[in-house]
Amino acid sequence: LDVSVDHEACILHLAPTTSTTAQIAMGDALAVSLMQQRGFTSVDFARLHPGGSLGRRLLTRVRDVMRKDGVPCVPKTMTLGEVIIAISDARLGIAAVVENGKLIGVITDGDVRRAMAKYKENFFRIEAQEIMSRNPKTISPDVRITAAEEMMRVNKIHSIIVVDDAGAVAGVVEFFNVSVLG
């Protein structure tokens, strides 16, 4: 494969500028072609580079960074005044609404603010079930952290409730837990 150049871009004709750029481009093209031919995946990359930050991100699972303790789980009949206290005490900006041990909804700081504006003086009498998001975004603890990061980016959310196979709350993963890996 000939990647020779007629002349270098260096105005002094001393530094190998154009030729080194051509070599890098050819090396990248060969590497990408070989990766494609061999079916090389991000898992293969992570296995070969586990010590670097990219390898760490590719190997890290949600379970490795999720917050397991102190996730506010509230019943659907809890008043919003009590929900605010639970959210504030946990310092997460989110509460999981549970029934029979399973997640049925979430309430975020934003939900609380919108409910205050909507219900005004009746706000403190409203129950969690009236403002909760009934189909919240959730994630499994076994999923790679890169998938959680993508889910947060696409859905413009900062926290995702982690649920186990039975639908019970296992924890919460927050944006800053994901972003520190990159």
C-alpha atoms as a PDB file:
ATOM      1  CA  LEU A   1       0.000   0.000   0.000  1.00  0.00           C
ATOM      2  CA  ASP A   2       1.664   3.151  -1.176  1.00  0.00           C
ATOM      3  CA  VAL A   3       0.997   6.188   1.013  1.00  0.00           C
ATOM      4  CA  SER A   4       3.945   8.232  -0.163  1.00  0.00           C
ATOM      5  CA  VAL A   5       3.537  11.976  -0.700  1.00  0.00           C
ATOM      6  CA  ASP A   6       5.089  14.282  -3.290  1.00  0.00           C
ATOM      7  CA  HIS A   7       6.056  16.937  -0.780  1.00  0.00           C
ATOM      8  CA  GLU A   8       5.563  17.818   2.875  1.00  0.00           C
ATOM      9  CA  ALA A   9       3.360  20.668   4.089  1.00  0.00           C
ATOM     10  CA  CYS A  10       6.136  22.048   6.289  1.00  0.00           C
ATOM     11  CA  ILE A  11       7.141  25.447   4.905  1.00  0.00           C
ATOM     12  CA  LEU A  12      10.776  24.713   5.810  1.00  0.00           C
ATOM     13  CA  HIS A  13      10.640  21.305   4.094  1.00  0.00           C
ATOM     14  CA  LEU A  14      12.025  19.749   7.270  1.00  0.00           C
ATOM     15  CA  ALA A  15       9.204  18.250   9.336  1.00  0.00           C
ATOM     16  CA  PRO A  16       7.372  15.164   8.027  1.00  0.00           C
ATOM     17  CA  THR A  17       3.864  16.645   8.266  1.00  0.00           C
ATOM     18  CA  THR A  18       1.947  15.350   5.253  1.00  0.00           C
ATOM     19  CA  SER A  19       3.600  11.911   5.254  1.00  0.00           C
ATOM     20  CA  THR A  20       2.899  11.291   8.955  1.00  0.00           C
ATOM     21  CA  THR A  21      -0.729  12.301   8.493  1.00  0.00           C
ATOM     22  CA  ALA A  22      -1.024   9.915   5.527  1.00  0.00           C
ATOM     23  CA  GLN A  23       0.503   7.088   7.602  1.00  0.00           C
ATOM     24  CA  ILE A  24      -1.918   7.705  10.473  1.00  0.00           C
ATOM     25  CA  ALA A  25      -4.898   7.736   8.101  1.00  0.00           C
ATOM     26  CA  MET A  26      -3.770   4.468   6.482  1.00  0.00           C
ATOM     27  CA  GLY A  27      -3.187   2.869   9.899  1.00  0.00           C
ATOM     28  CA  ASP A  28      -6.663   3.885  11.060  1.00  0.00           C
ATOM     29  CA  ALA A  29      -8.242   2.589   7.837  1.00  0.00           C
ATOM     30  CA  LEU A  30      -6.477  -0.774   8.227  1.00  0.00           C
ATOM     31  CA  ALA A  31      -7.442  -1.039  11.898  1.00  0.00           C
ATOM     32  CA  VAL A  32     -11.112  -0.273  11.211  1.00  0.00           C
ATOM     33  CA  SER A  33     -11.205  -2.731   8.300  1.00  0.00           C
ATOM     34  CA  LEU A  34      -9.666  -5.502  10.400  1.00  0.00           C
ATOM     35  CA  MET A  35     -12.049  -4.783  13.297  1.00  0.00           C
ATOM     36  CA  GLN A  36     -14.980  -5.086  10.919  1.00  0.00           C
ATOM     37  CA  GLN A  37     -13.643  -8.268   9.263  1.00  0.00           C
ATOM     38  CA  ARG A  38     -13.049  -9.972  12.626  1.00  0.00           C
ATOM     39  CA  GLY A  39     -16.311  -8.778  14.222  1.00  0.00           C
ATOM     40  CA  PHE A  40     -14.361  -6.913  16.917  1.00  0.00           C
ATOM     41  CA  THR A  41     -16.757  -5.432  19.512  1.00  0.00           C
ATOM     42  CA  SER A  42     -16.617  -3.002  22.413  1.00  0.00           C
ATOM     43  CA  VAL A  43     -16.465  -6.034  24.734  1.00  0.00           C
ATOM     44  CA  ASP A  44     -13.303  -7.199  22.932  1.00  0.00           C
ATOM     45  CA  PHE A  45     -11.852  -3.712  23.285  1.00  0.00           C
ATOM     46  CA  ALA A  46     -12.650  -3.582  26.990  1.00  0.00           C
ATOM     47  CA  ARG A  47     -11.105  -7.017  27.552  1.00  0.00           C
ATOM     48  CA  LEU A  48      -7.857  -5.918  25.878  1.00  0.00           C
ATOM     49  CA  HIS A  49      -7.777  -2.477  27.576  1.00  0.00           C
ATOM     50  CA  PRO A  50      -9.348  -2.990  31.044  1.00  0.00           C
ATOM     51  CA  GLY A  51      -7.110  -0.500  32.834  1.00  0.00           C
ATOM     52  CA  GLY A  52      -7.924   2.581  30.794  1.00  0.00           C
ATOM     53  CA  SER A  53     -10.920   4.836  31.324  1.00  0.00           C
ATOM     54  CA  LEU A  54     -12.605   3.703  28.085  1.00  0.00           C
ATOM     55  CA  GLY A  55     -12.186   0.026  28.989  1.00  0.00           C
ATOM     56  CA  ARG A  56     -13.502   0.733  32.481  1.00  0.00           C
ATOM     57  CA  ARG A  57     -16.605   2.437  31.049  1.00  0.00           C
ATOM     58  CA  LEU A  58     -17.233  -0.474  28.714  1.00  0.00           C
ATOM     59  CA  LEU A  59     -16.927  -3.061  31.505  1.00  0.00           C
ATOM     60  CA  THR A  60     -18.761  -1.195  34.269  1.00  0.00           C
ATOM     61  CA  ARG A  61     -22.306  -2.293  35.014  1.00  0.00           C
ATOM     62  CA  VAL A  62     -25.093  -0.240  36.582  1.00  0.00           C
ATOM     63  CA  ARG A  63     -24.763  -2.357  39.755  1.00  0.00           C
ATOM     64  CA  ASP A  64     -21.188  -1.093  40.157  1.00  0.00           C
ATOM     65  CA  VAL A  65     -22.191   2.571  40.467  1.00  0.00           C
ATOM     66  CA  MET A  66     -25.827   2.623  41.552  1.00  0.00           C
ATOM     67  CA  ARG A  67     -26.867   3.945  44.925  1.00  0.00           C
ATOM     68  CA  LYS A  68     -28.431   1.055  46.828  1.00  0.00           C
ATOM     69  CA  ASP A  69     -29.154   2.614  50.203  1.00  0.00           C
ATOM     70  CA  GLY A  70     -31.462   5.472  51.051  1.00  0.00           C
ATOM     71  CA  VAL A  71     -33.544   5.391  47.885  1.00  0.00           C
ATOM     72  CA  PRO A  72     -36.865   6.913  48.933  1.00  0.00           C
ATOM     73  CA  CYS A  73     -39.622   4.373  48.319  1.00  0.00           C
ATOM     74  CA  VAL A  74     -43.042   5.796  49.095  1.00  0.00           C
ATOM     75  CA  PRO A  75     -46.566   4.340  48.966  1.00  0.00           C
ATOM     76  CA  LYS A  76     -48.944   5.716  46.361  1.00  0.00           C
ATOM     77  CA  THR A  77     -51.206   7.132  49.108  1.00  0.00           C
ATOM     78  CA  MET A  78     -48.481   9.235  50.746  1.00  0.00           C
ATOM     79  CA  THR A  79     -49.248  12.964  50.704  1.00  0.00           C
ATOM     80  CA  LEU A  80     -47.038  15.240  48.659  1.00  0.00           C
ATOM     81  CA  GLY A  81     -45.840  17.027  51.783  1.00  0.00           C
ATOM     82  CA  GLU A  82     -44.453  13.710  53.033  1.00  0.00           C
ATOM     83  CA  VAL A  83     -43.047  12.899  49.588  1.00  0.00           C
ATOM     84  CA  ILE A  84     -41.124  16.193  49.602  1.00  0.00           C
ATOM     85  CA  ILE A  85     -39.569  15.261  52.941  1.00  0.00           C
ATOM     86  CA  ALA A  86     -38.584  11.805  51.608  1.00  0.00           C
ATOM     87  CA  ILE A  87     -37.034  13.305  48.456  1.00  0.00           C
ATOM     88  CA  SER A  88     -35.196  15.976  50.453  1.00  0.00           C
ATOM     89  CA  ASP A  89     -33.869  13.530  53.047  1.00  0.00           C
ATOM     90  CA  ALA A  90     -32.472  11.252  50.334  1.00  0.00           C
ATOM     91  CA  ARG A  91     -30.924  14.131  48.351  1.00  0.00           C
ATOM     92  CA  LEU A  92     -31.669  12.361  45.089  1.00  0.00           C
ATOM     93  CA  GLY A  93     -34.350  14.528  43.498  1.00  0.00           C
ATOM     94  CA  ILE A  94     -36.493  11.449  42.919  1.00  0.00           C
ATOM     95  CA  ALA A  95     -38.757   9.078  44.849  1.00  0.00           C
ATOM     96  CA  ALA A  96     -39.873   5.596  43.814  1.00  0.00           C
ATOM     97  CA  VAL A  97     -43.570   4.933  44.276  1.00  0.00           C
ATOM     98  CA  VAL A  98     -44.019   1.285  45.254  1.00  0.00           C
ATOM     99  CA  GLU A  99     -46.931  -1.049  45.781  1.00  0.00           C
ATOM    100  CA  ASN A 100     -46.602  -4.652  46.959  1.00  0.00           C
ATOM    101  CA  GLY A 101     -42.822  -4.305  46.750  1.00  0.00           C
ATOM    102  CA  LYS A 102     -42.822  -3.294  43.080  1.00  0.00           C
ATOM    103  CA  LEU A 103     -42.164   0.005  41.347  1.00  0.00           C
ATOM    104  CA  ILE A 104     -45.366   1.561  39.993  1.00  0.00           C
ATOM    105  CA  GLY A 105     -44.161   5.114  39.398  1.00  0.00           C
ATOM    106  CA  VAL A 106     -41.676   7.874  40.192  1.00  0.00           C
ATOM    107  CA  ILE A 107     -41.938  11.424  41.430  1.00  0.00           C
ATOM    108  CA  THR A 108     -39.181  13.909  40.641  1.00  0.00           C
ATOM    109  CA  ASP A 109     -38.425  17.395  41.924  1.00  0.00           C
ATOM    110  CA  GLY A 110     -39.916  18.681  38.664  1.00  0.00           C
ATOM    111  CA  ASP A 111     -43.150  16.744  39.251  1.00  0.00           C
ATOM    112  CA  VAL A 112     -43.409  18.337  42.707  1.00  0.00           C
ATOM    113  CA  ARG A 113     -42.882  21.865  41.337  1.00  0.00           C
ATOM    114  CA  ARG A 114     -45.486  21.357  38.602  1.00  0.00           C
ATOM    115  CA  ALA A 115     -47.957  19.952  41.166  1.00  0.00           C
ATOM    116  CA  MET A 116     -47.430  22.989  43.429  1.00  0.00           C
ATOM    117  CA  ALA A 117     -48.322  25.289  40.549  1.00  0.00           C
ATOM    118  CA  LYS A 118     -51.314  23.173  39.550  1.00  0.00           C
ATOM    119  CA  TYR A 119     -52.856  22.348  42.949  1.00  0.00           C
ATOM    120  CA  LYS A 120     -51.830  25.507  44.864  1.00  0.00           C
ATOM    121  CA  GLU A 121     -53.428  25.472  48.350  1.00  0.00           C
ATOM    122  CA  ASN A 122     -54.597  21.845  47.928  1.00  0.00           C
ATOM    123  CA  PHE A 123     -51.067  20.648  47.194  1.00  0.00           C
ATOM    124  CA  PHE A 124     -50.389  19.124  50.621  1.00  0.00           C
ATOM    125  CA  ARG A 125     -53.567  17.018  50.464  1.00  0.00           C
ATOM    126  CA  ILE A 126     -52.731  15.428  47.096  1.00  0.00           C
ATOM    127  CA  GLU A 127     -51.453  11.826  47.111  1.00  0.00           C
ATOM    128  CA  ALA A 128     -48.349  10.573  45.326  1.00  0.00           C
ATOM    129  CA  GLN A 129     -50.407   8.499  42.881  1.00  0.00           C
ATOM    130  CA  GLU A 130     -52.002  11.652  41.468  1.00  0.00           C
ATOM    131  CA  ILE A 131     -48.753  13.145  40.162  1.00  0.00           C
ATOM    132  CA  MET A 132     -46.411  10.165  39.735  1.00  0.00           C
ATOM    133  CA  SER A 133     -45.089   9.186  36.328  1.00  0.00           C
ATOM    134  CA  ARG A 134     -46.729   5.819  35.772  1.00  0.00           C
ATOM    135  CA  ASN A 135     -44.334   4.456  33.172  1.00  0.00           C
ATOM    136  CA  PRO A 136     -40.948   5.561  34.443  1.00  0.00           C
ATOM    137  CA  LYS A 137     -37.685   4.781  32.718  1.00  0.00           C
ATOM    138  CA  THR A 138     -35.997   1.928  34.564  1.00  0.00           C
ATOM    139  CA  ILE A 139     -32.849  -0.077  34.065  1.00  0.00           C
ATOM    140  CA  SER A 140     -31.493  -3.446  35.146  1.00  0.00           C
ATOM    141  CA  PRO A 141     -28.452  -3.616  37.436  1.00  0.00           C
ATOM    142  CA  ASP A 142     -26.771  -5.911  34.879  1.00  0.00           C
ATOM    143  CA  VAL A 143     -26.814  -3.377  32.029  1.00  0.00           C
ATOM    144  CA  ARG A 144     -23.576  -1.660  31.014  1.00  0.00           C
ATOM    145  CA  ILE A 145     -23.226   1.865  32.344  1.00  0.00           C
ATOM    146  CA  THR A 146     -22.863   3.162  28.778  1.00  0.00           C
ATOM    147  CA  ALA A 147     -26.488   2.107  28.147  1.00  0.00           C
ATOM    148  CA  ALA A 148     -27.621   4.037  31.241  1.00  0.00           C
ATOM    149  CA  GLU A 149     -25.697   7.064  30.028  1.00  0.00           C
ATOM    150  CA  GLU A 150     -27.371   6.845  26.622  1.00  0.00           C
ATOM    151  CA  MET A 151     -30.817   6.426  28.200  1.00  0.00           C
ATOM    152  CA  MET A 152     -30.270   9.554  30.312  1.00  0.00           C
ATOM    153  CA  ARG A 153     -29.023  11.541  27.347  1.00  0.00           C
ATOM    154  CA  VAL A 154     -31.853  10.504  25.008  1.00  0.00           C
ATOM    155  CA  ASN A 155     -34.591  11.016  27.618  1.00  0.00           C
ATOM    156  CA  LYS A 156     -33.024  14.145  29.153  1.00  0.00           C
ATOM    157  CA  ILE A 157     -33.186  12.724  32.686  1.00  0.00           C
ATOM    158  CA  HIS A 158     -30.672  12.778  35.524  1.00  0.00           C
ATOM    159  CA  SER A 159     -31.627   9.650  37.471  1.00  0.00           C
ATOM    160  CA  ILE A 160     -32.935   6.210  36.598  1.00  0.00           C
ATOM    161  CA  ILE A 161     -34.524   3.796  39.055  1.00  0.00           C
ATOM    162  CA  VAL A 162     -32.782   0.416  38.967  1.00  0.00           C
ATOM    163  CA  VAL A 163     -35.171  -2.530  39.231  1.00  0.00           C
ATOM    164  CA  ASP A 164     -34.499  -6.235  39.643  1.00  0.00           C
ATOM    165  CA  ASP A 165     -36.117  -9.006  37.592  1.00  0.00           C
ATOM    166  CA  ALA A 166     -39.162  -9.000  39.906  1.00  0.00           C
ATOM    167  CA  GLY A 167     -39.746  -5.251  39.428  1.00  0.00           C
ATOM    168  CA  ALA A 168     -38.545  -4.300  42.919  1.00  0.00           C
ATOM    169  CA  VAL A 169     -36.420  -1.194  43.450  1.00  0.00           C
ATOM    170  CA  ALA A 170     -32.749  -2.207  43.656  1.00  0.00           C
ATOM    171  CA  GLY A 171     -31.280   1.301  43.610  1.00  0.00           C
ATOM    172  CA  VAL A 172     -30.881   4.433  41.560  1.00  0.00           C
ATOM    173  CA  VAL A 173     -28.192   5.524  39.139  1.00  0.00           C
ATOM    174  CA  GLU A 174     -27.526   9.234  38.782  1.00  0.00           C
ATOM    175  CA  PHE A 175     -25.971  11.126  35.894  1.00  0.00           C
ATOM    176  CA  PHE A 176     -22.878  12.152  37.844  1.00  0.00           C
ATOM    177  CA  ASN A 177     -22.168   8.483  38.731  1.00  0.00           C
ATOM    178  CA  VAL A 178     -22.099   7.694  35.027  1.00  0.00           C
ATOM    179  CA  SER A 179     -20.237  10.776  33.838  1.00  0.00           C
ATOM    180  CA  VAL A 180     -17.279  10.377  36.212  1.00  0.00           C
ATOM    181  CA  LEU A 181     -16.324   7.197  34.379  1.00  0.00           C
ATOM    182  CA  GLY A 182     -15.780   8.956  31.064  1.00  0.00           C
END
